[in-house]
Amino acid sequence: MSENYPQLPPNSNLILACHITGVYDVNRSTTLQDDNFELVRAWAESVAAAKLQGLLFHNGFSEETCQTYASEYLSFVKITYNPQFNPNVYRYLVYLDFLEKQALPPANLFVTDVSDVTLVNNPFTDPLFIASTNTLFCGDEPTPLANEWMLAHASSLRSQIDDYADYEAHFATETLLNCGIIGGAYPLFLAFLRELCAIHRRYNTENKTAYTGDMGAFNYLVRTKFNEQLHHGFPVNTVFKGYEESRNDCWFRHK
């Protein structure tokens, strides 16, 4: 991870993302190149346009690139990747490690995908967010939990977690939640993140399947432990893979 995390000012509002390169990406069927800022430019510029604090954890940007693009709104944090976990999972361990080492925790935060998510509107000033201090916000997809991809994606977790199949049956027709956008007030978010990382450490190390397990663990935890504190979809995200480039009424655009 890192021994040199920046320390936060009090009561900060953060947007966190993680960009791990040089590792085969099973979702994209390719290996992301090191030091290619174009992959994260849209995310970084959207955060800066809203004058929010974006922290980008990475293992592959050069010092020159970091110096070129760092600003009062964007900070780069170099991490060491642990190949015991796939990148989609390891990012949550990084976020937890970072947050637990802060002398002054943030007030609110979102963690997002970095190559296909952009900020549209500041969530932290929205009356819905302000009034929902005990709510976990996340993205979603226009499909039910019981879809072919998710059934295959969760095969490893299903074989290890005793009540996983029961959860799948119970929530089969509920909307599929998407972990590419997750946020909320710090106390609830930290409690959620600790439980998510515990699941990954116990059940998702050395995952040899063709799937990352991040969506399976996320949906399982949220639906079984945080379902009564959940807000997904509008205004958090545009329609996933809807490519709604002209839509400006949501907090985040996700493809």
C-alpha atoms as a PDB file:
ATOM      1  CA  MET A   1       0.000   0.000   0.000  1.00  0.00           C
ATOM      2  CA  SER A   2       1.729   3.229   1.043  1.00  0.00           C
ATOM      3  CA  GLU A   3       3.706   4.678   3.925  1.00  0.00           C
ATOM      4  CA  ASN A   4       3.306   8.236   2.645  1.00  0.00           C
ATOM      5  CA  TYR A   5      -0.373   9.029   2.633  1.00  0.00           C
ATOM      6  CA  PRO A   6      -1.221  12.726   2.671  1.00  0.00           C
ATOM      7  CA  GLN A   7      -3.013  13.936   5.783  1.00  0.00           C
ATOM      8  CA  LEU A   8      -6.402  15.497   5.244  1.00  0.00           C
ATOM      9  CA  PRO A   9      -7.625  18.882   6.414  1.00  0.00           C
ATOM     10  CA  PRO A  10     -10.598  18.756   8.802  1.00  0.00           C
ATOM     11  CA  ASN A  11     -14.105  18.115   7.458  1.00  0.00           C
ATOM     12  CA  SER A  12     -13.002  17.449   3.899  1.00  0.00           C
ATOM     13  CA  ASN A  13     -15.199  16.079   1.128  1.00  0.00           C
ATOM     14  CA  LEU A  14     -13.328  13.596  -1.035  1.00  0.00           C
ATOM     15  CA  ILE A  15     -13.596  11.725  -4.312  1.00  0.00           C
ATOM     16  CA  LEU A  16     -11.240   8.725  -4.306  1.00  0.00           C
ATOM     17  CA  ALA A  17     -10.235   6.483  -7.187  1.00  0.00           C
ATOM     18  CA  CYS A  18      -7.573   3.876  -7.836  1.00  0.00           C
ATOM     19  CA  HIS A  19      -5.684   3.182 -11.065  1.00  0.00           C
ATOM     20  CA  ILE A  20      -3.577   0.014 -11.064  1.00  0.00           C
ATOM     21  CA  THR A  21      -1.601  -0.770 -14.209  1.00  0.00           C
ATOM     22  CA  GLY A  22       0.696  -3.510 -15.434  1.00  0.00           C
ATOM     23  CA  VAL A  23      -1.785  -6.192 -14.344  1.00  0.00           C
ATOM     24  CA  TYR A  24      -4.104  -8.138 -16.629  1.00  0.00           C
ATOM     25  CA  ASP A  25      -7.612  -6.679 -16.389  1.00  0.00           C
ATOM     26  CA  VAL A  26     -10.173  -9.469 -16.720  1.00  0.00           C
ATOM     27  CA  ASN A  27     -13.001  -6.984 -17.365  1.00  0.00           C
ATOM     28  CA  ARG A  28     -11.211  -5.342 -20.287  1.00  0.00           C
ATOM     29  CA  SER A  29      -9.271  -8.450 -21.406  1.00  0.00           C
ATOM     30  CA  THR A  30      -6.103  -6.386 -21.582  1.00  0.00           C
ATOM     31  CA  THR A  31      -3.272  -5.015 -19.451  1.00  0.00           C
ATOM     32  CA  LEU A  32      -3.489  -1.274 -18.802  1.00  0.00           C
ATOM     33  CA  GLN A  33      -0.357   0.649 -19.707  1.00  0.00           C
ATOM     34  CA  ASP A  34       1.668   2.547 -17.132  1.00  0.00           C
ATOM     35  CA  ASP A  35       1.811   6.338 -17.173  1.00  0.00           C
ATOM     36  CA  ASN A  36      -1.143   6.961 -19.498  1.00  0.00           C
ATOM     37  CA  PHE A  37      -2.989   9.929 -18.024  1.00  0.00           C
ATOM     38  CA  GLU A  38      -5.576   9.877 -20.820  1.00  0.00           C
ATOM     39  CA  LEU A  39      -7.241   6.896 -19.126  1.00  0.00           C
ATOM     40  CA  VAL A  40      -8.083   9.044 -16.096  1.00  0.00           C
ATOM     41  CA  ARG A  41      -8.195  12.543 -17.591  1.00  0.00           C
ATOM     42  CA  ALA A  42     -11.991  12.823 -17.842  1.00  0.00           C
ATOM     43  CA  TRP A  43     -12.420  11.746 -14.209  1.00  0.00           C
ATOM     44  CA  ALA A  44      -9.720  14.125 -12.978  1.00  0.00           C
ATOM     45  CA  GLU A  45     -11.009  17.104 -14.964  1.00  0.00           C
ATOM     46  CA  SER A  46     -14.598  16.539 -13.829  1.00  0.00           C
ATOM     47  CA  VAL A  47     -13.549  16.530 -10.161  1.00  0.00           C
ATOM     48  CA  ALA A  48     -11.485  19.682 -10.658  1.00  0.00           C
ATOM     49  CA  ALA A  49     -14.343  21.408 -12.485  1.00  0.00           C
ATOM     50  CA  ALA A  50     -16.477  20.948  -9.354  1.00  0.00           C
ATOM     51  CA  LYS A  51     -13.597  22.220  -7.190  1.00  0.00           C
ATOM     52  CA  LEU A  52     -13.624  19.049  -5.113  1.00  0.00           C
ATOM     53  CA  GLN A  53     -10.671  17.162  -3.681  1.00  0.00           C
ATOM     54  CA  GLY A  54      -9.766  14.142  -5.770  1.00  0.00           C
ATOM     55  CA  LEU A  55      -7.197  11.587  -4.627  1.00  0.00           C
ATOM     56  CA  LEU A  56      -5.935   9.165  -7.236  1.00  0.00           C
ATOM     57  CA  PHE A  57      -4.125   6.118  -5.860  1.00  0.00           C
ATOM     58  CA  HIS A  58      -1.856   4.536  -8.462  1.00  0.00           C
ATOM     59  CA  ASN A  59       1.121   2.283  -9.051  1.00  0.00           C
ATOM     60  CA  GLY A  60       2.203   3.380 -12.502  1.00  0.00           C
ATOM     61  CA  PHE A  61       2.346   7.132 -13.030  1.00  0.00           C
ATOM     62  CA  SER A  62       5.782   8.704 -13.340  1.00  0.00           C
ATOM     63  CA  GLU A  63       6.884  11.555 -11.097  1.00  0.00           C
ATOM     64  CA  GLU A  64       6.847  13.810 -14.149  1.00  0.00           C
ATOM     65  CA  THR A  65       3.216  12.955 -14.916  1.00  0.00           C
ATOM     66  CA  CYS A  66       2.189  13.470 -11.300  1.00  0.00           C
ATOM     67  CA  GLN A  67       3.920  16.851 -11.177  1.00  0.00           C
ATOM     68  CA  THR A  68       2.343  17.884 -14.486  1.00  0.00           C
ATOM     69  CA  TYR A  69      -1.242  17.100 -13.529  1.00  0.00           C
ATOM     70  CA  ALA A  70      -1.331  17.541  -9.751  1.00  0.00           C
ATOM     71  CA  SER A  71      -3.301  20.579  -8.659  1.00  0.00           C
ATOM     72  CA  GLU A  72      -5.188  22.013  -5.724  1.00  0.00           C
ATOM     73  CA  TYR A  73      -7.984  19.621  -6.710  1.00  0.00           C
ATOM     74  CA  LEU A  74      -6.026  16.496  -7.693  1.00  0.00           C
ATOM     75  CA  SER A  75      -3.428  14.608  -5.658  1.00  0.00           C
ATOM     76  CA  PHE A  76      -1.599  11.465  -6.728  1.00  0.00           C
ATOM     77  CA  VAL A  77      -0.827   8.828  -4.093  1.00  0.00           C
ATOM     78  CA  LYS A  78       1.708   6.145  -5.037  1.00  0.00           C
ATOM     79  CA  ILE A  79       0.885   2.662  -3.757  1.00  0.00           C
ATOM     80  CA  THR A  80       2.461  -0.775  -3.955  1.00  0.00           C
ATOM     81  CA  TYR A  81       0.160  -3.333  -5.548  1.00  0.00           C
ATOM     82  CA  ASN A  82      -0.380  -6.678  -3.794  1.00  0.00           C
ATOM     83  CA  PRO A  83      -0.995  -9.370  -6.454  1.00  0.00           C
ATOM     84  CA  GLN A  84      -2.755 -11.553  -3.896  1.00  0.00           C
ATOM     85  CA  PHE A  85      -5.836  -9.526  -4.844  1.00  0.00           C
ATOM     86  CA  ASN A  86      -7.073  -8.451  -8.254  1.00  0.00           C
ATOM     87  CA  PRO A  87      -7.037  -4.660  -8.814  1.00  0.00           C
ATOM     88  CA  ASN A  88     -10.820  -4.296  -8.537  1.00  0.00           C
ATOM     89  CA  VAL A  89     -10.664  -5.719  -5.033  1.00  0.00           C
ATOM     90  CA  TYR A  90      -7.353  -4.272  -3.897  1.00  0.00           C
ATOM     91  CA  ARG A  91      -8.596  -0.705  -4.271  1.00  0.00           C
ATOM     92  CA  TYR A  92     -10.917  -1.130  -1.278  1.00  0.00           C
ATOM     93  CA  LEU A  93      -8.065  -2.317   0.914  1.00  0.00           C
ATOM     94  CA  VAL A  94      -6.109   0.776  -0.155  1.00  0.00           C
ATOM     95  CA  TYR A  95      -9.005   3.087   0.687  1.00  0.00           C
ATOM     96  CA  LEU A  96      -9.439   1.512   4.110  1.00  0.00           C
ATOM     97  CA  ASP A  97      -5.720   1.679   4.880  1.00  0.00           C
ATOM     98  CA  PHE A  98      -5.656   5.336   3.857  1.00  0.00           C
ATOM     99  CA  LEU A  99      -8.711   6.294   5.909  1.00  0.00           C
ATOM    100  CA  GLU A 100      -7.570   4.454   9.026  1.00  0.00           C
ATOM    101  CA  LYS A 101      -4.264   6.330   8.956  1.00  0.00           C
ATOM    102  CA  GLN A 102      -5.845   9.783   8.908  1.00  0.00           C
ATOM    103  CA  ALA A 103      -5.481  11.908  12.022  1.00  0.00           C
ATOM    104  CA  LEU A 104      -8.518  13.929  10.903  1.00  0.00           C
ATOM    105  CA  PRO A 105     -11.069  11.829   9.012  1.00  0.00           C
ATOM    106  CA  PRO A 106     -13.049  13.350   6.147  1.00  0.00           C
ATOM    107  CA  ALA A 107     -16.645  14.440   6.559  1.00  0.00           C
ATOM    108  CA  ASN A 108     -17.958  12.721   3.442  1.00  0.00           C
ATOM    109  CA  LEU A 109     -16.587  10.780   0.514  1.00  0.00           C
ATOM    110  CA  PHE A 110     -17.245   8.836  -2.640  1.00  0.00           C
ATOM    111  CA  VAL A 111     -15.078   6.149  -4.203  1.00  0.00           C
ATOM    112  CA  THR A 112     -15.530   5.619  -7.925  1.00  0.00           C
ATOM    113  CA  ASP A 113     -14.224   3.812 -10.951  1.00  0.00           C
ATOM    114  CA  VAL A 114     -11.732   6.034 -12.702  1.00  0.00           C
ATOM    115  CA  SER A 115     -11.794   5.251 -16.425  1.00  0.00           C
ATOM    116  CA  ASP A 116     -15.552   5.255 -17.044  1.00  0.00           C
ATOM    117  CA  VAL A 117     -17.016   7.506 -14.316  1.00  0.00           C
ATOM    118  CA  THR A 118     -17.098  11.289 -14.329  1.00  0.00           C
ATOM    119  CA  LEU A 119     -18.529  13.777 -11.865  1.00  0.00           C
ATOM    120  CA  VAL A 120     -21.477  15.798 -13.144  1.00  0.00           C
ATOM    121  CA  ASN A 121     -22.740  17.614 -10.030  1.00  0.00           C
ATOM    122  CA  ASN A 122     -21.301  18.047  -6.554  1.00  0.00           C
ATOM    123  CA  PRO A 123     -23.108  15.432  -4.418  1.00  0.00           C
ATOM    124  CA  PHE A 124     -22.019  16.964  -1.143  1.00  0.00           C
ATOM    125  CA  THR A 125     -24.121  20.109  -1.647  1.00  0.00           C
ATOM    126  CA  ASP A 126     -27.258  18.258  -2.713  1.00  0.00           C
ATOM    127  CA  PRO A 127     -30.041  18.537  -0.090  1.00  0.00           C
ATOM    128  CA  LEU A 128     -30.659  14.791  -0.406  1.00  0.00           C
ATOM    129  CA  PHE A 129     -27.070  13.994   0.536  1.00  0.00           C
ATOM    130  CA  ILE A 130     -26.943  16.575   3.309  1.00  0.00           C
ATOM    131  CA  ALA A 131     -30.103  15.179   4.901  1.00  0.00           C
ATOM    132  CA  SER A 132     -28.984  11.553   4.580  1.00  0.00           C
ATOM    133  CA  THR A 133     -26.107  11.175   7.006  1.00  0.00           C
ATOM    134  CA  ASN A 134     -26.950   7.519   7.650  1.00  0.00           C
ATOM    135  CA  THR A 135     -27.385   6.523   4.000  1.00  0.00           C
ATOM    136  CA  LEU A 136     -25.089   4.522   1.765  1.00  0.00           C
ATOM    137  CA  PHE A 137     -25.293   5.813  -1.800  1.00  0.00           C
ATOM    138  CA  CYS A 138     -24.305   3.729  -4.800  1.00  0.00           C
ATOM    139  CA  GLY A 139     -24.773   3.254  -8.502  1.00  0.00           C
ATOM    140  CA  ASP A 140     -26.911   0.610 -10.138  1.00  0.00           C
ATOM    141  CA  GLU A 141     -27.623  -1.107 -13.441  1.00  0.00           C
ATOM    142  CA  PRO A 142     -30.863  -1.615 -15.380  1.00  0.00           C
ATOM    143  CA  THR A 143     -30.932  -5.352 -14.691  1.00  0.00           C
ATOM    144  CA  PRO A 144     -31.919  -7.583 -11.770  1.00  0.00           C
ATOM    145  CA  LEU A 145     -29.418  -9.249  -9.471  1.00  0.00           C
ATOM    146  CA  ALA A 146     -30.258 -12.650 -10.967  1.00  0.00           C
ATOM    147  CA  ASN A 147     -28.684 -12.180 -14.363  1.00  0.00           C
ATOM    148  CA  GLU A 148     -26.380 -14.515 -16.241  1.00  0.00           C
ATOM    149  CA  TRP A 149     -23.233 -12.453 -15.718  1.00  0.00           C
ATOM    150  CA  MET A 150     -23.719 -12.057 -11.966  1.00  0.00           C
ATOM    151  CA  LEU A 151     -24.489 -15.749 -11.494  1.00  0.00           C
ATOM    152  CA  ALA A 152     -21.165 -16.585 -13.134  1.00  0.00           C
ATOM    153  CA  HIS A 153     -19.328 -13.724 -11.409  1.00  0.00           C
ATOM    154  CA  ALA A 154     -20.334 -14.958  -7.940  1.00  0.00           C
ATOM    155  CA  SER A 155     -19.374 -18.619  -8.362  1.00  0.00           C
ATOM    156  CA  SER A 156     -16.337 -18.386  -6.085  1.00  0.00           C
ATOM    157  CA  LEU A 157     -18.145 -16.483  -3.328  1.00  0.00           C
ATOM    158  CA  ARG A 158     -21.167 -18.783  -3.556  1.00  0.00           C
ATOM    159  CA  SER A 159     -18.954 -21.802  -2.930  1.00  0.00           C
ATOM    160  CA  GLN A 160     -17.442 -20.249   0.216  1.00  0.00           C
ATOM    161  CA  ILE A 161     -20.144 -18.169   1.933  1.00  0.00           C
ATOM    162  CA  ASP A 162     -22.831 -20.334   3.527  1.00  0.00           C
ATOM    163  CA  ASP A 163     -25.796 -18.020   2.995  1.00  0.00           C
ATOM    164  CA  TYR A 164     -24.756 -16.599  -0.374  1.00  0.00           C
ATOM    165  CA  ALA A 165     -27.180 -18.717  -2.406  1.00  0.00           C
ATOM    166  CA  ASP A 166     -30.002 -17.812  -0.015  1.00  0.00           C
ATOM    167  CA  TYR A 167     -29.213 -14.114  -0.456  1.00  0.00           C
ATOM    168  CA  GLU A 168     -29.228 -14.529  -4.249  1.00  0.00           C
ATOM    169  CA  ALA A 169     -32.617 -16.196  -4.140  1.00  0.00           C
ATOM    170  CA  HIS A 170     -34.097 -13.621  -1.774  1.00  0.00           C
ATOM    171  CA  PHE A 171     -32.924 -10.587  -3.773  1.00  0.00           C
ATOM    172  CA  ALA A 172     -33.095 -12.170  -7.242  1.00  0.00           C
ATOM    173  CA  THR A 173     -35.510  -9.613  -8.662  1.00  0.00           C
ATOM    174  CA  GLU A 174     -33.971  -6.572  -6.961  1.00  0.00           C
ATOM    175  CA  THR A 175     -31.916  -4.066  -8.951  1.00  0.00           C
ATOM    176  CA  LEU A 176     -28.267  -4.953  -9.472  1.00  0.00           C
ATOM    177  CA  LEU A 177     -26.115  -2.512  -7.523  1.00  0.00           C
ATOM    178  CA  ASN A 178     -22.895  -1.232  -9.050  1.00  0.00           C
ATOM    179  CA  CYS A 179     -19.780  -0.684  -6.947  1.00  0.00           C
ATOM    180  CA  GLY A 180     -18.294   1.753  -9.450  1.00  0.00           C
ATOM    181  CA  ILE A 181     -19.863   4.551  -7.380  1.00  0.00           C
ATOM    182  CA  ILE A 182     -20.143   4.274  -3.579  1.00  0.00           C
ATOM    183  CA  GLY A 183     -20.335   7.052  -1.002  1.00  0.00           C
ATOM    184  CA  GLY A 184     -21.791   8.629   2.063  1.00  0.00           C
ATOM    185  CA  ALA A 185     -20.956  10.311   5.327  1.00  0.00           C
ATOM    186  CA  TYR A 186     -17.704   9.072   6.834  1.00  0.00           C
ATOM    187  CA  PRO A 187     -18.931   7.078   9.890  1.00  0.00           C
ATOM    188  CA  LEU A 188     -21.309   4.883   7.900  1.00  0.00           C
ATOM    189  CA  PHE A 189     -18.968   4.611   4.937  1.00  0.00           C
ATOM    190  CA  LEU A 190     -16.079   3.483   7.147  1.00  0.00           C
ATOM    191  CA  ALA A 191     -18.234   0.828   8.820  1.00  0.00           C
ATOM    192  CA  PHE A 192     -19.308  -0.438   5.409  1.00  0.00           C
ATOM    193  CA  LEU A 193     -15.759  -0.414   4.034  1.00  0.00           C
ATOM    194  CA  ARG A 194     -14.397  -2.398   6.975  1.00  0.00           C
ATOM    195  CA  GLU A 195     -16.976  -5.114   6.431  1.00  0.00           C
ATOM    196  CA  LEU A 196     -16.361  -5.166   2.679  1.00  0.00           C
ATOM    197  CA  CYS A 197     -12.609  -5.554   3.160  1.00  0.00           C
ATOM    198  CA  ALA A 198     -13.171  -8.332   5.689  1.00  0.00           C
ATOM    199  CA  ILE A 199     -15.154 -10.263   3.069  1.00  0.00           C
ATOM    200  CA  HIS A 200     -12.454  -9.783   0.461  1.00  0.00           C
ATOM    201  CA  ARG A 201      -9.646 -10.790   2.835  1.00  0.00           C
ATOM    202  CA  ARG A 202     -11.485 -13.949   3.856  1.00  0.00           C
ATOM    203  CA  TYR A 203     -13.091 -15.068   0.612  1.00  0.00           C
ATOM    204  CA  ASN A 204     -11.510 -13.257  -2.323  1.00  0.00           C
ATOM    205  CA  THR A 205      -7.778 -13.776  -1.997  1.00  0.00           C
ATOM    206  CA  GLU A 206      -6.052 -15.720  -4.752  1.00  0.00           C
ATOM    207  CA  ASN A 207      -9.229 -15.644  -6.845  1.00  0.00           C
ATOM    208  CA  LYS A 208      -8.437 -17.827  -9.868  1.00  0.00           C
ATOM    209  CA  THR A 209     -11.771 -17.483 -11.642  1.00  0.00           C
ATOM    210  CA  ALA A 210     -12.357 -15.309 -14.701  1.00  0.00           C
ATOM    211  CA  TYR A 211     -14.279 -12.829 -12.512  1.00  0.00           C
ATOM    212  CA  THR A 212     -13.071 -10.262  -9.992  1.00  0.00           C
ATOM    213  CA  GLY A 213     -15.614 -10.878  -7.234  1.00  0.00           C
ATOM    214  CA  ASP A 214     -15.993  -7.196  -6.398  1.00  0.00           C
ATOM    215  CA  MET A 215     -19.576  -6.914  -7.617  1.00  0.00           C
ATOM    216  CA  GLY A 216     -20.583 -10.112  -5.877  1.00  0.00           C
ATOM    217  CA  ALA A 217     -19.142  -9.127  -2.522  1.00  0.00           C
ATOM    218  CA  PHE A 218     -20.563  -5.611  -2.780  1.00  0.00           C
ATOM    219  CA  ASN A 219     -24.116  -6.659  -3.603  1.00  0.00           C
ATOM    220  CA  TYR A 220     -24.060  -9.371  -0.941  1.00  0.00           C
ATOM    221  CA  LEU A 221     -22.873  -7.048   1.817  1.00  0.00           C
ATOM    222  CA  VAL A 222     -25.137  -4.132   0.946  1.00  0.00           C
ATOM    223  CA  ARG A 223     -28.265  -6.214   0.514  1.00  0.00           C
ATOM    224  CA  THR A 224     -27.730  -8.283   3.676  1.00  0.00           C
ATOM    225  CA  LYS A 225     -26.348  -5.614   6.033  1.00  0.00           C
ATOM    226  CA  PHE A 226     -27.115  -2.119   4.666  1.00  0.00           C
ATOM    227  CA  ASN A 227     -30.290  -2.552   2.650  1.00  0.00           C
ATOM    228  CA  GLU A 228     -32.354  -0.359   4.968  1.00  0.00           C
ATOM    229  CA  GLN A 229     -29.777   2.451   4.639  1.00  0.00           C
ATOM    230  CA  LEU A 230     -29.405   2.224   0.870  1.00  0.00           C
ATOM    231  CA  HIS A 231     -30.043   4.754  -1.888  1.00  0.00           C
ATOM    232  CA  HIS A 232     -29.151   3.689  -5.428  1.00  0.00           C
ATOM    233  CA  GLY A 233     -29.852   5.109  -8.856  1.00  0.00           C
ATOM    234  CA  PHE A 234     -31.090   8.659  -9.419  1.00  0.00           C
ATOM    235  CA  PRO A 235     -29.645  11.118  -8.582  1.00  0.00           C
ATOM    236  CA  VAL A 236     -26.455   9.148  -7.910  1.00  0.00           C
ATOM    237  CA  ASN A 237     -25.841   7.903 -11.434  1.00  0.00           C
ATOM    238  CA  THR A 238     -26.951   8.065 -15.022  1.00  0.00           C
ATOM    239  CA  VAL A 239     -28.109   4.814 -16.605  1.00  0.00           C
ATOM    240  CA  PHE A 240     -25.160   2.424 -16.586  1.00  0.00           C
ATOM    241  CA  LYS A 241     -23.850   2.004 -20.139  1.00  0.00           C
ATOM    242  CA  GLY A 242     -26.539   4.416 -21.285  1.00  0.00           C
ATOM    243  CA  TYR A 243     -23.860   6.817 -22.583  1.00  0.00           C
ATOM    244  CA  GLU A 244     -26.077   9.743 -21.571  1.00  0.00           C
ATOM    245  CA  GLU A 245     -23.485  12.390 -22.358  1.00  0.00           C
ATOM    246  CA  SER A 246     -25.985  15.255 -22.397  1.00  0.00           C
ATOM    247  CA  ARG A 247     -27.660  14.361 -19.112  1.00  0.00           C
ATOM    248  CA  ASN A 248     -26.816  16.776 -16.290  1.00  0.00           C
ATOM    249  CA  ASP A 249     -29.267  15.922 -13.522  1.00  0.00           C
ATOM    250  CA  CYS A 250     -27.219  13.238 -11.728  1.00  0.00           C
ATOM    251  CA  TRP A 251     -24.142  13.337  -9.521  1.00  0.00           C
ATOM    252  CA  PHE A 252     -22.082  10.942 -11.608  1.00  0.00           C
ATOM    253  CA  ARG A 253     -22.088   9.718 -15.194  1.00  0.00           C
ATOM    254  CA  HIS A 254     -21.193   6.011 -15.504  1.00  0.00           C
ATOM    255  CA  LYS A 255     -20.483   5.249 -19.149  1.00  0.00           C
END
